[in-house]
Amino acid sequence: MPTTKALLLSSIVLLATSSGCTTTRGVALRPDGTPGPQECPAKALEVMRYLKLRVGDAALVELDANQIDARRISLYDGPIESILKDDLGTLEATTRLYGQVWTSGPQVVIRYYEAHPPDSDKVPICAVARLSRDQMRKLPESKPGMAILDGSIAAAYIVDAFR
């Protein structure tokens, strides 16, 4: 009887972890491994209004603080620290952006959840990294759980929800 109970419990744990398809921050993943929709928290929307950040506002960022000005960069699933190259609303250049990277889909997805301005406290935000013309597309030599991109710069766009 104890063996049956242990088997049942382990099956439930396995089912719960695999069928949930969630990753950090409770984001559900789509079948291709990219993150699904996610609301921007009310506190982040309030802070962005205060900072005069409007949906669509954008500024250039160094995608990875550890790979500045690299011709090719390697990004891994998990947390990321980026650096603003230009002012974004009242956030000045050199502000650090903290977020999450997903590399499972055909393109890298980066969502930013916090900004840390110089000489100030971290504040919640909602922003995404974007580049036009498929420039966030992984290079063919990328391995599972990571992505190689040409260049280290993208634009961080303010959003009111992650879609």
N, C-alpha and C. Protein backbone atom coordinates (compact mmCIF):
# COMPACT_ATOMS: atom_id res chain seq x y z
N MET A 1 0.81 -1.20 0.00
CA MET A 1 0.00 0.00 0.00
C MET A 1 0.86 1.28 0.00
N PRO A 2 1.94 1.37 0.83
CA PRO A 2 2.76 2.57 0.84
C PRO A 2 3.39 2.83 -0.53
N THR A 3 3.76 1.78 -1.26
CA THR A 3 4.36 1.95 -2.57
C THR A 3 3.36 2.57 -3.54
N THR A 4 2.10 2.15 -3.47
CA THR A 4 1.06 2.71 -4.33
C THR A 4 0.86 4.19 -4.01
N LYS A 5 0.85 4.54 -2.74
CA LYS A 5 0.67 5.92 -2.32
C LYS A 5 1.83 6.79 -2.81
N ALA A 6 3.05 6.29 -2.67
CA ALA A 6 4.24 7.03 -3.12
C ALA A 6 4.20 7.22 -4.63
N LEU A 7 3.82 6.19 -5.37
CA LEU A 7 3.72 6.28 -6.81
C LEU A 7 2.66 7.29 -7.23
N LEU A 8 1.52 7.27 -6.56
CA LEU A 8 0.45 8.21 -6.86
C LEU A 8 0.89 9.65 -6.58
N LEU A 9 1.54 9.87 -5.44
CA LEU A 9 2.01 11.20 -5.07
C LEU A 9 3.04 11.70 -6.07
N SER A 10 3.98 10.86 -6.45
CA SER A 10 5.00 11.30 -7.41
C SER A 10 4.38 11.58 -8.77
N SER A 11 3.36 10.83 -9.16
CA SER A 11 2.67 11.08 -10.42
C SER A 11 1.95 12.42 -10.40
N ILE A 12 1.32 12.75 -9.27
CA ILE A 12 0.62 14.03 -9.13
C ILE A 12 1.61 15.19 -9.20
N VAL A 13 2.75 15.05 -8.52
CA VAL A 13 3.77 16.10 -8.55
C VAL A 13 4.28 16.29 -9.96
N LEU A 14 4.57 15.21 -10.66
CA LEU A 14 5.05 15.29 -12.04
C LEU A 14 4.01 15.93 -12.94
N LEU A 15 2.76 15.55 -12.82
CA LEU A 15 1.68 16.12 -13.62
C LEU A 15 1.53 17.60 -13.33
N ALA A 16 1.59 17.99 -12.07
CA ALA A 16 1.42 19.40 -11.70
C ALA A 16 2.56 20.24 -12.25
N THR A 17 3.77 19.73 -12.23
CA THR A 17 4.90 20.53 -12.71
C THR A 17 4.96 20.57 -14.23
N SER A 18 4.54 19.50 -14.90
CA SER A 18 4.64 19.50 -16.36
C SER A 18 3.43 20.13 -17.03
N SER A 19 2.25 19.95 -16.51
CA SER A 19 1.07 20.47 -17.20
C SER A 19 0.86 21.95 -16.94
N GLY A 20 1.45 22.47 -15.87
CA GLY A 20 1.31 23.88 -15.56
C GLY A 20 2.03 24.75 -16.56
N CYS A 21 3.13 24.26 -17.09
CA CYS A 21 3.94 25.00 -18.05
C CYS A 21 4.18 26.44 -17.61
N THR A 22 4.58 26.62 -16.40
CA THR A 22 4.88 27.97 -15.96
C THR A 22 6.36 28.11 -15.70
N THR A 23 6.79 29.33 -15.68
CA THR A 23 8.18 29.64 -15.41
C THR A 23 8.20 30.74 -14.36
N THR A 24 9.32 31.36 -14.15
CA THR A 24 9.40 32.40 -13.13
C THR A 24 8.33 33.46 -13.34
N ARG A 25 7.96 34.08 -12.25
CA ARG A 25 6.94 35.12 -12.24
C ARG A 25 5.56 34.58 -12.59
N GLY A 26 5.38 33.26 -12.63
CA GLY A 26 4.07 32.69 -12.88
C GLY A 26 3.57 32.89 -14.29
N VAL A 27 4.45 33.07 -15.24
CA VAL A 27 4.05 33.29 -16.63
C VAL A 27 3.81 31.95 -17.31
N ALA A 28 2.62 31.76 -17.87
CA ALA A 28 2.31 30.55 -18.62
C ALA A 28 3.06 30.58 -19.95
N LEU A 29 3.56 29.43 -20.34
CA LEU A 29 4.28 29.35 -21.60
C LEU A 29 3.38 28.82 -22.71
N ARG A 30 3.59 29.34 -23.91
CA ARG A 30 2.89 28.85 -25.10
C ARG A 30 3.55 27.54 -25.54
N PRO A 31 2.91 26.81 -26.45
CA PRO A 31 3.50 25.54 -26.90
C PRO A 31 4.92 25.67 -27.47
N ASP A 32 5.26 26.84 -28.06
CA ASP A 32 6.62 27.01 -28.61
C ASP A 32 7.63 27.45 -27.56
N GLY A 33 7.20 27.58 -26.30
CA GLY A 33 8.11 27.94 -25.22
C GLY A 33 8.19 29.42 -24.93
N THR A 34 7.50 30.24 -25.73
CA THR A 34 7.51 31.68 -25.47
C THR A 34 6.50 32.01 -24.38
N PRO A 35 6.72 33.10 -23.66
CA PRO A 35 5.80 33.45 -22.58
C PRO A 35 4.45 33.92 -23.10
N GLY A 36 3.41 33.55 -22.40
CA GLY A 36 2.06 33.97 -22.75
C GLY A 36 1.75 35.36 -22.21
N PRO A 37 0.51 35.80 -22.38
CA PRO A 37 0.11 37.13 -21.91
C PRO A 37 0.28 37.27 -20.40
N GLN A 38 0.51 38.49 -19.99
CA GLN A 38 0.70 38.79 -18.57
C GLN A 38 0.29 40.24 -18.34
N GLU A 39 -0.48 40.46 -17.30
CA GLU A 39 -0.90 41.81 -16.96
C GLU A 39 0.26 42.60 -16.35
N CYS A 40 0.25 43.89 -16.56
CA CYS A 40 1.19 44.78 -15.89
C CYS A 40 0.57 45.10 -14.53
N PRO A 41 1.29 44.90 -13.44
CA PRO A 41 0.73 45.17 -12.11
C PRO A 41 0.28 46.63 -11.96
N ALA A 42 -0.77 46.84 -11.19
CA ALA A 42 -1.31 48.18 -10.97
C ALA A 42 -0.24 49.12 -10.42
N LYS A 43 0.62 48.62 -9.53
CA LYS A 43 1.68 49.45 -8.95
C LYS A 43 2.65 49.93 -10.03
N ALA A 44 3.00 49.05 -10.97
CA ALA A 44 3.90 49.44 -12.06
C ALA A 44 3.24 50.49 -12.95
N LEU A 45 1.94 50.33 -13.25
CA LEU A 45 1.23 51.33 -14.06
C LEU A 45 1.22 52.69 -13.36
N GLU A 46 1.01 52.68 -12.05
CA GLU A 46 1.02 53.92 -11.26
C GLU A 46 2.40 54.57 -11.28
N VAL A 47 3.44 53.80 -11.07
CA VAL A 47 4.81 54.33 -11.07
C VAL A 47 5.17 54.87 -12.45
N MET A 48 4.78 54.16 -13.50
CA MET A 48 5.09 54.63 -14.86
C MET A 48 4.40 55.96 -15.16
N ARG A 49 3.16 56.13 -14.70
CA ARG A 49 2.48 57.44 -14.86
C ARG A 49 3.26 58.53 -14.16
N TYR A 50 3.70 58.25 -12.93
CA TYR A 50 4.46 59.22 -12.14
C TYR A 50 5.78 59.58 -12.84
N LEU A 51 6.41 58.58 -13.47
CA LEU A 51 7.69 58.81 -14.16
C LEU A 51 7.51 59.36 -15.57
N LYS A 52 6.25 59.62 -15.96
CA LYS A 52 5.93 60.12 -17.29
C LYS A 52 6.36 59.15 -18.40
N LEU A 53 6.17 57.87 -18.13
CA LEU A 53 6.44 56.83 -19.12
C LEU A 53 5.11 56.42 -19.74
N ARG A 54 4.99 56.62 -21.05
CA ARG A 54 3.76 56.28 -21.74
C ARG A 54 3.96 55.04 -22.61
N VAL A 55 2.89 54.30 -22.84
CA VAL A 55 2.96 53.13 -23.70
C VAL A 55 3.53 53.56 -25.06
N GLY A 56 4.53 52.83 -25.51
CA GLY A 56 5.18 53.14 -26.78
C GLY A 56 6.46 53.94 -26.63
N ASP A 57 6.67 54.59 -25.49
CA ASP A 57 7.94 55.28 -25.26
C ASP A 57 9.06 54.25 -25.33
N ALA A 58 10.20 54.65 -25.89
CA ALA A 58 11.28 53.69 -26.06
C ALA A 58 12.64 54.37 -25.94
N ALA A 59 13.63 53.58 -25.62
CA ALA A 59 15.02 54.04 -25.58
C ALA A 59 15.91 52.84 -25.86
N LEU A 60 17.10 53.12 -26.36
CA LEU A 60 18.06 52.05 -26.62
C LEU A 60 18.62 51.51 -25.31
N VAL A 61 18.86 50.19 -25.32
CA VAL A 61 19.46 49.53 -24.16
C VAL A 61 20.59 48.61 -24.61
N GLU A 62 21.57 48.48 -23.73
CA GLU A 62 22.54 47.39 -23.86
C GLU A 62 21.83 46.19 -23.25
N LEU A 63 21.61 45.16 -24.03
CA LEU A 63 20.81 44.02 -23.57
C LEU A 63 21.39 43.35 -22.33
N ASP A 64 22.68 43.16 -22.29
CA ASP A 64 23.29 42.46 -21.16
C ASP A 64 24.43 43.32 -20.62
N ALA A 65 24.31 43.72 -19.36
CA ALA A 65 25.32 44.58 -18.73
C ALA A 65 26.71 43.94 -18.76
N ASN A 66 26.79 42.63 -18.93
CA ASN A 66 28.08 41.94 -18.95
C ASN A 66 28.65 41.76 -20.36
N GLN A 67 27.90 42.21 -21.38
CA GLN A 67 28.36 42.01 -22.76
C GLN A 67 28.22 43.29 -23.58
N ILE A 68 28.54 44.41 -22.97
CA ILE A 68 28.37 45.72 -23.62
C ILE A 68 29.23 45.81 -24.88
N ASP A 69 28.62 46.32 -25.94
CA ASP A 69 29.28 46.56 -27.23
C ASP A 69 29.82 45.30 -27.91
N ALA A 70 29.35 44.13 -27.51
CA ALA A 70 29.80 42.89 -28.16
C ALA A 70 29.15 42.76 -29.53
N ARG A 71 29.89 42.21 -30.49
CA ARG A 71 29.33 42.00 -31.82
C ARG A 71 28.26 40.92 -31.78
N ARG A 72 28.52 39.87 -31.02
CA ARG A 72 27.54 38.80 -30.81
C ARG A 72 27.42 38.59 -29.31
N ILE A 73 26.19 38.36 -28.85
CA ILE A 73 26.01 38.08 -27.43
C ILE A 73 25.27 36.76 -27.25
N SER A 74 25.51 36.15 -26.11
CA SER A 74 24.81 34.93 -25.72
C SER A 74 23.89 35.26 -24.56
N LEU A 75 22.61 34.99 -24.73
CA LEU A 75 21.64 35.20 -23.66
C LEU A 75 21.10 33.84 -23.22
N TYR A 76 20.87 33.72 -21.92
CA TYR A 76 20.38 32.47 -21.35
C TYR A 76 19.02 32.68 -20.73
N ASP A 77 18.20 31.62 -20.71
CA ASP A 77 16.91 31.69 -20.03
C ASP A 77 17.15 32.13 -18.59
N GLY A 78 16.33 33.06 -18.13
CA GLY A 78 16.45 33.50 -16.74
C GLY A 78 16.57 35.00 -16.62
N PRO A 79 17.07 35.47 -15.49
CA PRO A 79 17.14 36.91 -15.23
C PRO A 79 18.14 37.61 -16.14
N ILE A 80 17.87 38.90 -16.36
CA ILE A 80 18.78 39.72 -17.16
C ILE A 80 18.88 41.11 -16.55
N GLU A 81 20.04 41.71 -16.71
CA GLU A 81 20.27 43.10 -16.30
C GLU A 81 20.72 43.86 -17.54
N SER A 82 19.92 44.84 -17.95
CA SER A 82 20.23 45.66 -19.11
C SER A 82 20.50 47.09 -18.64
N ILE A 83 21.08 47.90 -19.52
CA ILE A 83 21.42 49.28 -19.17
C ILE A 83 20.86 50.22 -20.23
N LEU A 84 20.12 51.26 -19.78
CA LEU A 84 19.62 52.27 -20.71
C LEU A 84 20.80 53.06 -21.29
N LYS A 85 20.81 53.21 -22.63
CA LYS A 85 21.82 54.03 -23.28
C LYS A 85 21.34 55.47 -23.42
N ASP A 86 20.02 55.66 -23.42
CA ASP A 86 19.40 56.98 -23.57
C ASP A 86 18.39 57.16 -22.45
N ASP A 87 17.97 58.41 -22.24
CA ASP A 87 16.90 58.67 -21.27
C ASP A 87 15.60 58.04 -21.77
N LEU A 88 14.80 57.58 -20.82
CA LEU A 88 13.48 57.03 -21.11
C LEU A 88 12.52 57.70 -20.14
N GLY A 89 11.75 58.67 -20.64
CA GLY A 89 10.92 59.48 -19.75
C GLY A 89 11.84 60.16 -18.75
N THR A 90 11.55 60.01 -17.48
CA THR A 90 12.41 60.60 -16.45
C THR A 90 13.51 59.64 -15.98
N LEU A 91 13.56 58.45 -16.57
CA LEU A 91 14.65 57.52 -16.26
C LEU A 91 15.86 57.92 -17.10
N GLU A 92 16.95 58.22 -16.45
CA GLU A 92 18.12 58.68 -17.19
C GLU A 92 18.96 57.53 -17.72
N ALA A 93 19.78 57.86 -18.71
CA ALA A 93 20.72 56.87 -19.24
C ALA A 93 21.53 56.31 -18.08
N THR A 94 21.94 55.10 -18.18
CA THR A 94 22.66 54.28 -17.18
C THR A 94 21.72 53.64 -16.16
N THR A 95 20.42 53.92 -16.25
CA THR A 95 19.46 53.20 -15.40
C THR A 95 19.54 51.73 -15.75
N ARG A 96 19.52 50.88 -14.74
CA ARG A 96 19.54 49.43 -14.94
C ARG A 96 18.10 48.93 -15.07
N LEU A 97 17.86 48.05 -16.02
CA LEU A 97 16.56 47.41 -16.18
C LEU A 97 16.73 45.93 -15.85
N TYR A 98 15.84 45.42 -15.02
CA TYR A 98 15.90 44.02 -14.61
C TYR A 98 14.67 43.29 -15.12
N GLY A 99 14.90 42.11 -15.67
CA GLY A 99 13.79 41.36 -16.22
C GLY A 99 14.11 39.90 -16.40
N GLN A 100 13.43 39.32 -17.39
CA GLN A 100 13.48 37.89 -17.63
C GLN A 100 13.66 37.63 -19.12
N VAL A 101 14.46 36.62 -19.45
CA VAL A 101 14.72 36.21 -20.84
C VAL A 101 14.12 34.83 -21.07
N TRP A 102 13.49 34.66 -22.24
CA TRP A 102 13.02 33.35 -22.71
C TRP A 102 13.64 33.12 -24.07
N THR A 103 14.24 31.96 -24.28
CA THR A 103 14.92 31.68 -25.54
C THR A 103 14.33 30.49 -26.30
N SER A 104 13.22 29.93 -25.84
CA SER A 104 12.69 28.70 -26.44
C SER A 104 12.07 28.89 -27.81
N GLY A 105 11.50 30.04 -28.08
CA GLY A 105 10.86 30.27 -29.37
C GLY A 105 11.87 30.66 -30.43
N PRO A 106 11.38 31.03 -31.62
CA PRO A 106 12.29 31.40 -32.70
C PRO A 106 13.03 32.72 -32.44
N GLN A 107 12.42 33.57 -31.61
CA GLN A 107 13.05 34.84 -31.24
C GLN A 107 13.18 34.94 -29.74
N VAL A 108 14.17 35.67 -29.30
CA VAL A 108 14.36 35.92 -27.87
C VAL A 108 13.27 36.86 -27.39
N VAL A 109 12.71 36.58 -26.22
CA VAL A 109 11.73 37.45 -25.59
C VAL A 109 12.33 37.95 -24.28
N ILE A 110 12.32 39.28 -24.11
CA ILE A 110 12.81 39.89 -22.87
C ILE A 110 11.73 40.81 -22.34
N ARG A 111 11.34 40.57 -21.09
CA ARG A 111 10.39 41.43 -20.40
C ARG A 111 11.09 42.05 -19.20
N TYR A 112 10.90 43.37 -19.06
CA TYR A 112 11.50 44.09 -17.93
C TYR A 112 10.42 44.39 -16.89
N TYR A 113 10.76 44.14 -15.62
CA TYR A 113 9.83 44.32 -14.51
C TYR A 113 10.27 45.38 -13.52
N GLU A 114 11.54 45.77 -13.56
CA GLU A 114 12.05 46.77 -12.62
C GLU A 114 13.07 47.66 -13.29
N ALA A 115 13.12 48.91 -12.82
CA ALA A 115 14.16 49.85 -13.23
C ALA A 115 14.88 50.32 -11.98
N HIS A 116 16.20 50.48 -12.08
CA HIS A 116 16.99 50.97 -10.96
C HIS A 116 17.80 52.18 -11.42
N PRO A 117 17.21 53.38 -11.26
CA PRO A 117 17.92 54.60 -11.66
C PRO A 117 19.15 54.81 -10.78
N PRO A 118 20.15 55.51 -11.30
CA PRO A 118 21.32 55.82 -10.47
C PRO A 118 20.89 56.63 -9.25
N ASP A 119 21.47 56.37 -8.12
CA ASP A 119 21.19 57.12 -6.88
C ASP A 119 19.72 57.10 -6.48
N SER A 120 19.02 56.02 -6.76
CA SER A 120 17.62 55.92 -6.40
C SER A 120 17.27 54.47 -6.11
N ASP A 121 16.04 54.24 -5.68
CA ASP A 121 15.57 52.89 -5.40
C ASP A 121 15.02 52.24 -6.67
N LYS A 122 14.95 50.92 -6.66
CA LYS A 122 14.31 50.19 -7.76
C LYS A 122 12.83 50.52 -7.78
N VAL A 123 12.27 50.60 -9.00
CA VAL A 123 10.83 50.86 -9.17
C VAL A 123 10.26 49.85 -10.16
N PRO A 124 8.99 49.47 -9.97
CA PRO A 124 8.38 48.53 -10.91
C PRO A 124 8.01 49.22 -12.23
N ILE A 125 8.25 48.53 -13.33
CA ILE A 125 7.86 49.01 -14.66
C ILE A 125 7.40 47.81 -15.47
N CYS A 126 6.88 48.08 -16.65
CA CYS A 126 6.57 47.04 -17.63
C CYS A 126 7.14 47.50 -18.96
N ALA A 127 8.10 46.75 -19.48
CA ALA A 127 8.73 47.09 -20.75
C ALA A 127 9.20 45.81 -21.42
N VAL A 128 9.41 45.89 -22.72
CA VAL A 128 9.91 44.74 -23.49
C VAL A 128 11.07 45.20 -24.37
N ALA A 129 11.97 44.29 -24.69
CA ALA A 129 13.05 44.57 -25.64
C ALA A 129 12.56 44.19 -27.03
N ARG A 130 12.81 45.07 -27.99
CA ARG A 130 12.38 44.82 -29.37
C ARG A 130 13.41 45.32 -30.35
N LEU A 131 13.44 44.69 -31.50
CA LEU A 131 14.19 45.14 -32.66
C LEU A 131 13.38 44.77 -33.89
N SER A 132 13.40 45.62 -34.88
CA SER A 132 12.66 45.31 -36.11
C SER A 132 13.49 44.38 -37.00
N ARG A 133 12.88 43.92 -38.06
CA ARG A 133 13.51 43.07 -39.06
C ARG A 133 14.11 41.79 -38.50
N ASP A 134 13.39 41.14 -37.57
CA ASP A 134 13.81 39.84 -37.03
C ASP A 134 15.17 39.85 -36.34
N GLN A 135 15.59 41.00 -35.84
CA GLN A 135 16.92 41.06 -35.24
C GLN A 135 16.99 40.45 -33.84
N MET A 136 15.84 40.07 -33.27
CA MET A 136 15.86 39.33 -32.00
C MET A 136 15.78 37.83 -32.28
N ARG A 137 15.87 37.46 -33.56
CA ARG A 137 15.83 36.05 -33.94
C ARG A 137 17.15 35.41 -33.56
N LYS A 138 17.06 34.21 -32.98
CA LYS A 138 18.25 33.46 -32.57
C LYS A 138 19.04 33.03 -33.80
N LEU A 139 20.35 33.04 -33.67
CA LEU A 139 21.19 32.53 -34.74
C LEU A 139 21.16 31.00 -34.72
N PRO A 140 21.37 30.35 -35.87
CA PRO A 140 21.25 28.90 -35.96
C PRO A 140 22.15 28.12 -34.99
N GLU A 141 23.28 28.68 -34.60
CA GLU A 141 24.18 27.95 -33.70
C GLU A 141 23.76 28.01 -32.22
N SER A 142 22.61 28.65 -31.95
CA SER A 142 22.09 28.71 -30.58
C SER A 142 21.73 27.31 -30.10
N LYS A 143 22.01 27.06 -28.84
CA LYS A 143 21.70 25.77 -28.21
C LYS A 143 20.45 25.90 -27.34
N PRO A 144 19.82 24.78 -26.94
CA PRO A 144 18.64 24.86 -26.08
C PRO A 144 18.96 25.61 -24.77
N GLY A 145 18.04 26.48 -24.36
CA GLY A 145 18.22 27.25 -23.13
C GLY A 145 19.04 28.50 -23.28
N MET A 146 19.48 28.78 -24.52
CA MET A 146 20.27 29.98 -24.76
C MET A 146 20.05 30.46 -26.19
N ALA A 147 20.46 31.69 -26.43
CA ALA A 147 20.33 32.26 -27.77
C ALA A 147 21.54 33.13 -28.07
N ILE A 148 22.02 33.04 -29.28
CA ILE A 148 23.08 33.91 -29.73
C ILE A 148 22.43 34.93 -30.66
N LEU A 149 22.71 36.21 -30.40
CA LEU A 149 22.18 37.31 -31.20
C LEU A 149 23.32 38.11 -31.81
N ASP A 150 23.07 38.66 -33.00
CA ASP A 150 24.02 39.61 -33.57
C ASP A 150 23.81 40.96 -32.91
N GLY A 151 24.81 41.45 -32.23
CA GLY A 151 24.74 42.77 -31.61
C GLY A 151 24.22 42.73 -30.20
N SER A 152 24.53 43.79 -29.46
CA SER A 152 24.18 43.85 -28.04
C SER A 152 23.13 44.89 -27.71
N ILE A 153 22.61 45.57 -28.73
CA ILE A 153 21.68 46.69 -28.49
C ILE A 153 20.29 46.38 -29.03
N ALA A 154 19.28 46.81 -28.27
CA ALA A 154 17.88 46.73 -28.70
C ALA A 154 17.20 47.99 -28.17
N ALA A 155 15.91 48.06 -28.36
CA ALA A 155 15.12 49.16 -27.79
C ALA A 155 14.23 48.58 -26.71
N ALA A 156 14.10 49.29 -25.60
CA ALA A 156 13.17 48.91 -24.54
C ALA A 156 11.92 49.76 -24.72
N TYR A 157 10.78 49.13 -24.89
CA TYR A 157 9.50 49.80 -25.10
C TYR A 157 8.62 49.64 -23.87
N ILE A 158 8.01 50.73 -23.44
CA ILE A 158 7.06 50.70 -22.33
C ILE A 158 5.76 50.07 -22.82
N VAL A 159 5.19 49.17 -22.03
CA VAL A 159 3.92 48.52 -22.35
C VAL A 159 2.98 48.60 -21.15
N ASP A 160 1.69 48.41 -21.41
CA ASP A 160 0.71 48.37 -20.30
C ASP A 160 0.29 46.95 -19.99
N ALA A 161 0.74 45.99 -20.79
CA ALA A 161 0.52 44.57 -20.57
C ALA A 161 1.47 43.82 -21.48
N PHE A 162 1.81 42.60 -21.11
CA PHE A 162 2.67 41.76 -21.94
C PHE A 162 1.76 40.85 -22.74
N ARG A 163 1.90 40.86 -24.06
CA ARG A 163 0.98 40.10 -24.93
C ARG A 163 1.67 38.95 -25.60
